[in-house]
Amino acid sequence: MAIHKDLLGGPPPTHLPDDPEPRELLANGAAPADVAAKYPTSSLAWAQLADEAFERGSVVESYAYARTGYHRGLDSLRRSGWKGHGPVPWEHEPNRGFLRALHGLARAAQSIGEQEEYERCSSFLRDSSETAADTLG
C-alpha cells in the first residue's frame, strides 16, 4: 500500500514568487545574457544560458551558468521559507528556472566527469519535483 507523500508530514511545497519580466523578455526572444545582466537573480535566464552553452558544446561554460542559476534559485527558495528539503513543484511556473538550472548543473557535471555532483543534483531534482525530472530528462 502506497502512502501519499503529504500524509508523511513533510514540508509544504515551496512556490517561488512570480517575476514575470525576465520570463516575458525571454519568451519574446530577448538574449538570455541581456536578461541575466538586467535581472541577475533570475534563475530562468541563467538556466537558458546554460542550455545554450551546452547545446553548442561549451560544457564548462554551461556548468558555470547552471551553477549561478542554481545558487540564485537557492537564495530565492530560502527567502520563500524553504528549509533545505521538500517539494518545489514544476507545475508552479516561477519554480521552473531553479529546476532547469539544477537539471543543467547535473547534466554539465556528468559531462565533465563529476559523478558525485551529477548524482547529488539528479537526486535533488527528483526529490524536489518528479515532474521536473521526468520533463527535463
N, C-alpha and C. Protein backbone atom coordinates (compact mmCIF):
# COMPACT_ATOMS: atom_id res chain seq x y z
N MET A 1 0.85 -1.18 0.00
CA MET A 1 0.00 0.00 0.00
C MET A 1 0.89 1.24 0.00
N ALA A 2 0.71 2.10 -0.95
CA ALA A 2 1.50 3.33 -1.06
C ALA A 2 0.88 4.41 -0.18
N ILE A 3 1.72 5.14 0.46
CA ILE A 3 1.27 6.27 1.28
C ILE A 3 1.61 7.54 0.53
N HIS A 4 0.64 8.42 0.40
CA HIS A 4 0.88 9.69 -0.30
C HIS A 4 1.86 10.52 0.51
N LYS A 5 2.77 11.20 -0.17
CA LYS A 5 3.81 11.97 0.50
C LYS A 5 3.25 13.00 1.48
N ASP A 6 2.12 13.62 1.15
CA ASP A 6 1.56 14.64 2.03
C ASP A 6 1.17 14.08 3.39
N LEU A 7 0.89 12.77 3.46
CA LEU A 7 0.50 12.15 4.72
C LEU A 7 1.68 11.90 5.64
N LEU A 8 2.87 12.08 5.15
CA LEU A 8 4.06 11.84 5.94
C LEU A 8 4.46 13.03 6.81
N GLY A 9 3.74 14.12 6.68
CA GLY A 9 4.06 15.29 7.49
C GLY A 9 5.27 16.05 7.03
N GLY A 10 5.63 15.92 5.77
CA GLY A 10 6.78 16.65 5.23
C GLY A 10 6.46 18.12 5.06
N PRO A 11 7.46 18.87 4.67
CA PRO A 11 7.26 20.31 4.49
C PRO A 11 6.30 20.58 3.32
N PRO A 12 5.60 21.69 3.40
CA PRO A 12 4.71 22.04 2.29
C PRO A 12 5.52 22.41 1.05
N PRO A 13 4.89 22.35 -0.11
CA PRO A 13 5.59 22.76 -1.34
C PRO A 13 6.02 24.22 -1.26
N THR A 14 7.17 24.50 -1.84
CA THR A 14 7.65 25.88 -1.92
C THR A 14 7.29 26.44 -3.29
N HIS A 15 6.69 27.60 -3.28
CA HIS A 15 6.31 28.29 -4.50
C HIS A 15 7.06 29.62 -4.54
N LEU A 16 7.99 29.73 -5.46
CA LEU A 16 8.74 30.98 -5.58
C LEU A 16 7.83 32.09 -6.06
N PRO A 17 8.11 33.32 -5.64
CA PRO A 17 7.29 34.44 -6.12
C PRO A 17 7.46 34.63 -7.62
N ASP A 18 6.40 35.09 -8.23
CA ASP A 18 6.45 35.31 -9.67
C ASP A 18 7.28 36.55 -9.98
N ASP A 19 8.11 36.43 -10.99
CA ASP A 19 8.91 37.54 -11.50
C ASP A 19 8.74 37.52 -13.02
N PRO A 20 7.62 38.08 -13.51
CA PRO A 20 7.26 37.89 -14.91
C PRO A 20 8.15 38.60 -15.92
N GLU A 21 8.82 39.67 -15.53
CA GLU A 21 9.58 40.44 -16.51
C GLU A 21 10.65 39.62 -17.22
N PRO A 22 11.56 38.93 -16.50
CA PRO A 22 12.56 38.15 -17.24
C PRO A 22 11.94 37.03 -18.07
N ARG A 23 10.92 36.39 -17.55
CA ARG A 23 10.26 35.31 -18.29
C ARG A 23 9.65 35.84 -19.59
N GLU A 24 9.00 37.00 -19.51
CA GLU A 24 8.39 37.59 -20.70
C GLU A 24 9.44 38.04 -21.71
N LEU A 25 10.52 38.63 -21.23
CA LEU A 25 11.60 39.04 -22.14
C LEU A 25 12.16 37.83 -22.89
N LEU A 26 12.42 36.75 -22.15
CA LEU A 26 12.96 35.54 -22.78
C LEU A 26 11.95 34.95 -23.76
N ALA A 27 10.69 34.92 -23.39
CA ALA A 27 9.65 34.37 -24.27
C ALA A 27 9.52 35.19 -25.55
N ASN A 28 9.84 36.47 -25.47
CA ASN A 28 9.75 37.34 -26.64
C ASN A 28 11.06 37.44 -27.42
N GLY A 29 12.01 36.56 -27.09
CA GLY A 29 13.23 36.48 -27.88
C GLY A 29 14.41 37.31 -27.42
N ALA A 30 14.33 37.90 -26.24
CA ALA A 30 15.48 38.66 -25.73
C ALA A 30 16.66 37.71 -25.49
N ALA A 31 17.85 38.20 -25.68
CA ALA A 31 19.05 37.39 -25.45
C ALA A 31 19.16 37.07 -23.96
N PRO A 32 19.36 35.80 -23.62
CA PRO A 32 19.47 35.43 -22.20
C PRO A 32 20.57 36.19 -21.47
N ALA A 33 21.67 36.51 -22.14
CA ALA A 33 22.75 37.26 -21.48
C ALA A 33 22.26 38.66 -21.10
N ASP A 34 21.47 39.27 -21.96
CA ASP A 34 20.93 40.59 -21.66
C ASP A 34 19.94 40.51 -20.49
N VAL A 35 19.14 39.46 -20.48
CA VAL A 35 18.16 39.30 -19.39
C VAL A 35 18.88 39.02 -18.08
N ALA A 36 19.90 38.18 -18.10
CA ALA A 36 20.67 37.89 -16.88
C ALA A 36 21.37 39.14 -16.36
N ALA A 37 21.84 39.98 -17.27
CA ALA A 37 22.51 41.22 -16.86
C ALA A 37 21.51 42.18 -16.21
N LYS A 38 20.30 42.23 -16.74
CA LYS A 38 19.29 43.14 -16.21
C LYS A 38 18.62 42.56 -14.95
N TYR A 39 18.48 41.23 -14.91
CA TYR A 39 17.81 40.53 -13.80
C TYR A 39 18.72 39.41 -13.30
N PRO A 40 19.82 39.75 -12.62
CA PRO A 40 20.80 38.72 -12.23
C PRO A 40 20.27 37.69 -11.24
N THR A 41 19.14 37.95 -10.62
CA THR A 41 18.58 36.95 -9.71
C THR A 41 17.67 35.96 -10.42
N SER A 42 17.49 36.11 -11.73
CA SER A 42 16.60 35.23 -12.49
C SER A 42 17.28 33.90 -12.81
N SER A 43 16.89 32.86 -12.11
CA SER A 43 17.41 31.52 -12.41
C SER A 43 17.06 31.10 -13.82
N LEU A 44 15.92 31.54 -14.31
CA LEU A 44 15.49 31.17 -15.65
C LEU A 44 16.47 31.68 -16.71
N ALA A 45 16.92 32.91 -16.57
CA ALA A 45 17.88 33.46 -17.54
C ALA A 45 19.19 32.67 -17.50
N TRP A 46 19.67 32.34 -16.31
CA TRP A 46 20.91 31.58 -16.18
C TRP A 46 20.73 30.17 -16.72
N ALA A 47 19.56 29.57 -16.47
CA ALA A 47 19.29 28.22 -16.99
C ALA A 47 19.28 28.23 -18.51
N GLN A 48 18.71 29.26 -19.09
CA GLN A 48 18.68 29.33 -20.55
C GLN A 48 20.08 29.53 -21.12
N LEU A 49 20.89 30.35 -20.44
CA LEU A 49 22.29 30.49 -20.85
C LEU A 49 23.01 29.15 -20.77
N ALA A 50 22.75 28.39 -19.71
CA ALA A 50 23.37 27.07 -19.54
C ALA A 50 22.95 26.14 -20.67
N ASP A 51 21.68 26.16 -21.01
CA ASP A 51 21.20 25.30 -22.10
C ASP A 51 21.86 25.65 -23.42
N GLU A 52 21.93 26.94 -23.72
CA GLU A 52 22.53 27.37 -24.98
C GLU A 52 24.00 27.00 -25.05
N ALA A 53 24.72 27.20 -23.94
CA ALA A 53 26.14 26.86 -23.92
C ALA A 53 26.33 25.35 -24.10
N PHE A 54 25.49 24.56 -23.44
CA PHE A 54 25.60 23.11 -23.56
C PHE A 54 25.35 22.67 -25.00
N GLU A 55 24.33 23.24 -25.61
CA GLU A 55 23.98 22.88 -26.98
C GLU A 55 25.10 23.17 -27.97
N ARG A 56 25.90 24.19 -27.70
CA ARG A 56 27.00 24.50 -28.63
C ARG A 56 28.31 23.83 -28.20
N GLY A 57 28.24 22.96 -27.18
CA GLY A 57 29.41 22.19 -26.77
C GLY A 57 30.30 22.87 -25.76
N SER A 58 29.88 23.99 -25.21
CA SER A 58 30.67 24.72 -24.19
C SER A 58 30.24 24.24 -22.81
N VAL A 59 30.68 23.03 -22.45
CA VAL A 59 30.19 22.37 -21.25
C VAL A 59 30.63 23.08 -19.97
N VAL A 60 31.86 23.54 -19.91
CA VAL A 60 32.32 24.23 -18.71
C VAL A 60 31.56 25.55 -18.53
N GLU A 61 31.33 26.25 -19.61
CA GLU A 61 30.54 27.48 -19.56
C GLU A 61 29.10 27.16 -19.10
N SER A 62 28.54 26.09 -19.63
CA SER A 62 27.20 25.65 -19.23
C SER A 62 27.16 25.37 -17.73
N TYR A 63 28.19 24.67 -17.25
CA TYR A 63 28.29 24.35 -15.83
C TYR A 63 28.27 25.63 -14.98
N ALA A 64 29.04 26.61 -15.40
CA ALA A 64 29.12 27.87 -14.65
C ALA A 64 27.79 28.61 -14.65
N TYR A 65 27.15 28.68 -15.81
CA TYR A 65 25.84 29.34 -15.88
C TYR A 65 24.82 28.60 -15.02
N ALA A 66 24.80 27.27 -15.13
CA ALA A 66 23.83 26.48 -14.36
C ALA A 66 24.08 26.63 -12.86
N ARG A 67 25.34 26.66 -12.46
CA ARG A 67 25.64 26.80 -11.03
C ARG A 67 25.17 28.17 -10.53
N THR A 68 25.34 29.20 -11.35
CA THR A 68 24.87 30.53 -10.96
C THR A 68 23.36 30.52 -10.79
N GLY A 69 22.64 29.96 -11.76
CA GLY A 69 21.19 29.89 -11.67
C GLY A 69 20.72 29.06 -10.49
N TYR A 70 21.42 27.99 -10.22
CA TYR A 70 21.12 27.12 -9.07
C TYR A 70 21.26 27.89 -7.76
N HIS A 71 22.37 28.59 -7.61
CA HIS A 71 22.58 29.33 -6.35
C HIS A 71 21.62 30.50 -6.21
N ARG A 72 21.32 31.20 -7.31
CA ARG A 72 20.33 32.28 -7.23
C ARG A 72 18.98 31.70 -6.84
N GLY A 73 18.66 30.52 -7.36
CA GLY A 73 17.42 29.85 -7.00
C GLY A 73 17.38 29.41 -5.55
N LEU A 74 18.50 28.89 -5.04
CA LEU A 74 18.55 28.52 -3.62
C LEU A 74 18.29 29.73 -2.73
N ASP A 75 18.87 30.86 -3.11
CA ASP A 75 18.63 32.10 -2.35
C ASP A 75 17.14 32.43 -2.33
N SER A 76 16.49 32.33 -3.48
CA SER A 76 15.05 32.63 -3.56
C SER A 76 14.23 31.62 -2.78
N LEU A 77 14.60 30.36 -2.87
CA LEU A 77 13.87 29.34 -2.11
C LEU A 77 13.95 29.61 -0.61
N ARG A 78 15.14 29.92 -0.14
CA ARG A 78 15.30 30.20 1.30
C ARG A 78 14.49 31.42 1.72
N ARG A 79 14.48 32.45 0.89
CA ARG A 79 13.66 33.63 1.21
C ARG A 79 12.16 33.29 1.21
N SER A 80 11.80 32.23 0.51
CA SER A 80 10.40 31.82 0.43
C SER A 80 10.03 30.79 1.50
N GLY A 81 10.94 30.55 2.44
CA GLY A 81 10.65 29.67 3.56
C GLY A 81 11.12 28.24 3.42
N TRP A 82 11.78 27.91 2.34
CA TRP A 82 12.28 26.55 2.13
C TRP A 82 13.38 26.27 3.15
N LYS A 83 13.35 25.08 3.74
CA LYS A 83 14.29 24.72 4.81
C LYS A 83 15.34 23.70 4.38
N GLY A 84 15.57 23.58 3.09
CA GLY A 84 16.60 22.67 2.61
C GLY A 84 16.08 21.36 2.06
N HIS A 85 14.79 21.15 2.12
CA HIS A 85 14.19 19.95 1.54
C HIS A 85 12.70 20.19 1.37
N GLY A 86 12.11 19.30 0.62
CA GLY A 86 10.68 19.41 0.37
C GLY A 86 10.39 19.75 -1.08
N PRO A 87 9.13 19.62 -1.46
CA PRO A 87 8.75 19.80 -2.86
C PRO A 87 8.92 21.22 -3.38
N VAL A 88 9.38 21.29 -4.61
CA VAL A 88 9.47 22.55 -5.37
C VAL A 88 8.77 22.24 -6.69
N PRO A 89 7.45 22.37 -6.72
CA PRO A 89 6.68 21.86 -7.86
C PRO A 89 6.98 22.53 -9.20
N TRP A 90 7.21 21.70 -10.21
CA TRP A 90 7.37 22.14 -11.60
C TRP A 90 6.12 22.84 -12.07
N GLU A 91 4.97 22.40 -11.58
CA GLU A 91 3.70 22.95 -12.02
C GLU A 91 3.56 24.43 -11.71
N HIS A 92 4.31 24.94 -10.73
CA HIS A 92 4.32 26.37 -10.40
C HIS A 92 5.40 27.02 -11.28
N GLU A 93 4.99 27.72 -12.31
CA GLU A 93 5.91 28.22 -13.34
C GLU A 93 7.12 28.98 -12.78
N PRO A 94 6.99 29.84 -11.75
CA PRO A 94 8.17 30.53 -11.24
C PRO A 94 9.25 29.61 -10.67
N ASN A 95 8.91 28.35 -10.36
CA ASN A 95 9.90 27.38 -9.87
C ASN A 95 10.77 26.81 -10.99
N ARG A 96 10.32 26.96 -12.22
CA ARG A 96 10.97 26.26 -13.33
C ARG A 96 12.39 26.73 -13.61
N GLY A 97 12.69 27.99 -13.38
CA GLY A 97 14.06 28.46 -13.61
C GLY A 97 15.04 27.74 -12.70
N PHE A 98 14.71 27.64 -11.42
CA PHE A 98 15.57 26.93 -10.48
C PHE A 98 15.71 25.46 -10.89
N LEU A 99 14.58 24.82 -11.19
CA LEU A 99 14.61 23.40 -11.54
C LEU A 99 15.39 23.17 -12.83
N ARG A 100 15.25 24.05 -13.79
CA ARG A 100 16.02 23.93 -15.03
C ARG A 100 17.52 24.13 -14.77
N ALA A 101 17.87 25.07 -13.90
CA ALA A 101 19.28 25.29 -13.56
C ALA A 101 19.85 24.06 -12.85
N LEU A 102 19.08 23.48 -11.95
CA LEU A 102 19.52 22.27 -11.25
C LEU A 102 19.73 21.13 -12.24
N HIS A 103 18.82 20.97 -13.17
CA HIS A 103 18.98 19.95 -14.20
C HIS A 103 20.23 20.23 -15.05
N GLY A 104 20.41 21.50 -15.43
CA GLY A 104 21.57 21.87 -16.23
C GLY A 104 22.88 21.61 -15.51
N LEU A 105 22.87 21.83 -14.21
CA LEU A 105 24.07 21.58 -13.42
C LEU A 105 24.38 20.09 -13.38
N ALA A 106 23.35 19.27 -13.20
CA ALA A 106 23.55 17.82 -13.21
C ALA A 106 24.10 17.37 -14.56
N ARG A 107 23.50 17.85 -15.63
CA ARG A 107 23.89 17.46 -16.99
C ARG A 107 25.35 17.84 -17.26
N ALA A 108 25.72 19.07 -16.93
CA ALA A 108 27.09 19.52 -17.17
C ALA A 108 28.08 18.78 -16.28
N ALA A 109 27.71 18.53 -15.03
CA ALA A 109 28.59 17.80 -14.12
C ALA A 109 28.88 16.40 -14.68
N GLN A 110 27.84 15.75 -15.18
CA GLN A 110 28.04 14.42 -15.76
C GLN A 110 28.97 14.50 -16.97
N SER A 111 28.82 15.54 -17.77
CA SER A 111 29.63 15.68 -18.98
C SER A 111 31.10 15.90 -18.70
N ILE A 112 31.41 16.49 -17.55
CA ILE A 112 32.84 16.71 -17.22
C ILE A 112 33.37 15.65 -16.26
N GLY A 113 32.55 14.62 -16.01
CA GLY A 113 33.01 13.51 -15.17
C GLY A 113 32.92 13.75 -13.68
N GLU A 114 32.14 14.71 -13.29
CA GLU A 114 31.96 14.99 -11.86
C GLU A 114 30.76 14.18 -11.36
N GLN A 115 30.98 12.89 -11.19
CA GLN A 115 29.90 11.94 -10.92
C GLN A 115 29.16 12.24 -9.62
N GLU A 116 29.87 12.57 -8.56
CA GLU A 116 29.19 12.85 -7.28
C GLU A 116 28.24 14.04 -7.40
N GLU A 117 28.69 15.09 -8.08
CA GLU A 117 27.84 16.27 -8.28
C GLU A 117 26.64 15.92 -9.15
N TYR A 118 26.87 15.14 -10.19
CA TYR A 118 25.78 14.68 -11.05
C TYR A 118 24.73 13.92 -10.23
N GLU A 119 25.18 12.98 -9.44
CA GLU A 119 24.24 12.17 -8.64
C GLU A 119 23.51 13.02 -7.61
N ARG A 120 24.24 13.92 -6.96
CA ARG A 120 23.61 14.79 -5.95
C ARG A 120 22.54 15.67 -6.59
N CYS A 121 22.88 16.30 -7.70
CA CYS A 121 21.94 17.20 -8.37
C CYS A 121 20.76 16.42 -8.96
N SER A 122 21.01 15.26 -9.53
CA SER A 122 19.92 14.45 -10.09
C SER A 122 18.95 14.01 -9.00
N SER A 123 19.48 13.59 -7.86
CA SER A 123 18.63 13.20 -6.74
C SER A 123 17.86 14.40 -6.19
N PHE A 124 18.53 15.52 -6.08
CA PHE A 124 17.90 16.75 -5.58
C PHE A 124 16.75 17.15 -6.51
N LEU A 125 16.97 17.06 -7.82
CA LEU A 125 15.93 17.40 -8.77
C LEU A 125 14.73 16.47 -8.61
N ARG A 126 14.97 15.18 -8.55
CA ARG A 126 13.87 14.22 -8.42
C ARG A 126 13.16 14.40 -7.08
N ASP A 127 13.91 14.65 -6.01
CA ASP A 127 13.28 14.86 -4.70
C ASP A 127 12.46 16.15 -4.67
N SER A 128 12.90 17.15 -5.43
CA SER A 128 12.19 18.42 -5.46
C SER A 128 10.93 18.33 -6.32
N SER A 129 11.05 17.69 -7.46
CA SER A 129 9.93 17.58 -8.38
C SER A 129 10.13 16.41 -9.33
N GLU A 130 9.38 15.34 -9.11
CA GLU A 130 9.45 14.21 -10.04
C GLU A 130 9.02 14.64 -11.44
N THR A 131 8.04 15.54 -11.50
CA THR A 131 7.58 16.03 -12.80
C THR A 131 8.72 16.73 -13.55
N ALA A 132 9.48 17.57 -12.84
CA ALA A 132 10.61 18.26 -13.48
C ALA A 132 11.64 17.25 -13.96
N ALA A 133 11.97 16.28 -13.11
CA ALA A 133 12.96 15.27 -13.50
C ALA A 133 12.51 14.51 -14.74
N ASP A 134 11.24 14.16 -14.80
CA ASP A 134 10.71 13.43 -15.96
C ASP A 134 10.64 14.33 -17.19
N THR A 135 10.23 15.58 -17.00
CA THR A 135 10.07 16.52 -18.11
C THR A 135 11.42 16.89 -18.72
N LEU A 136 12.40 17.15 -17.87
CA LEU A 136 13.70 17.62 -18.34
C LEU A 136 14.62 16.49 -18.78
N GLY A 137 14.29 15.30 -18.36
CA GLY A 137 15.09 14.14 -18.79
C GLY A 137 16.19 13.88 -17.89
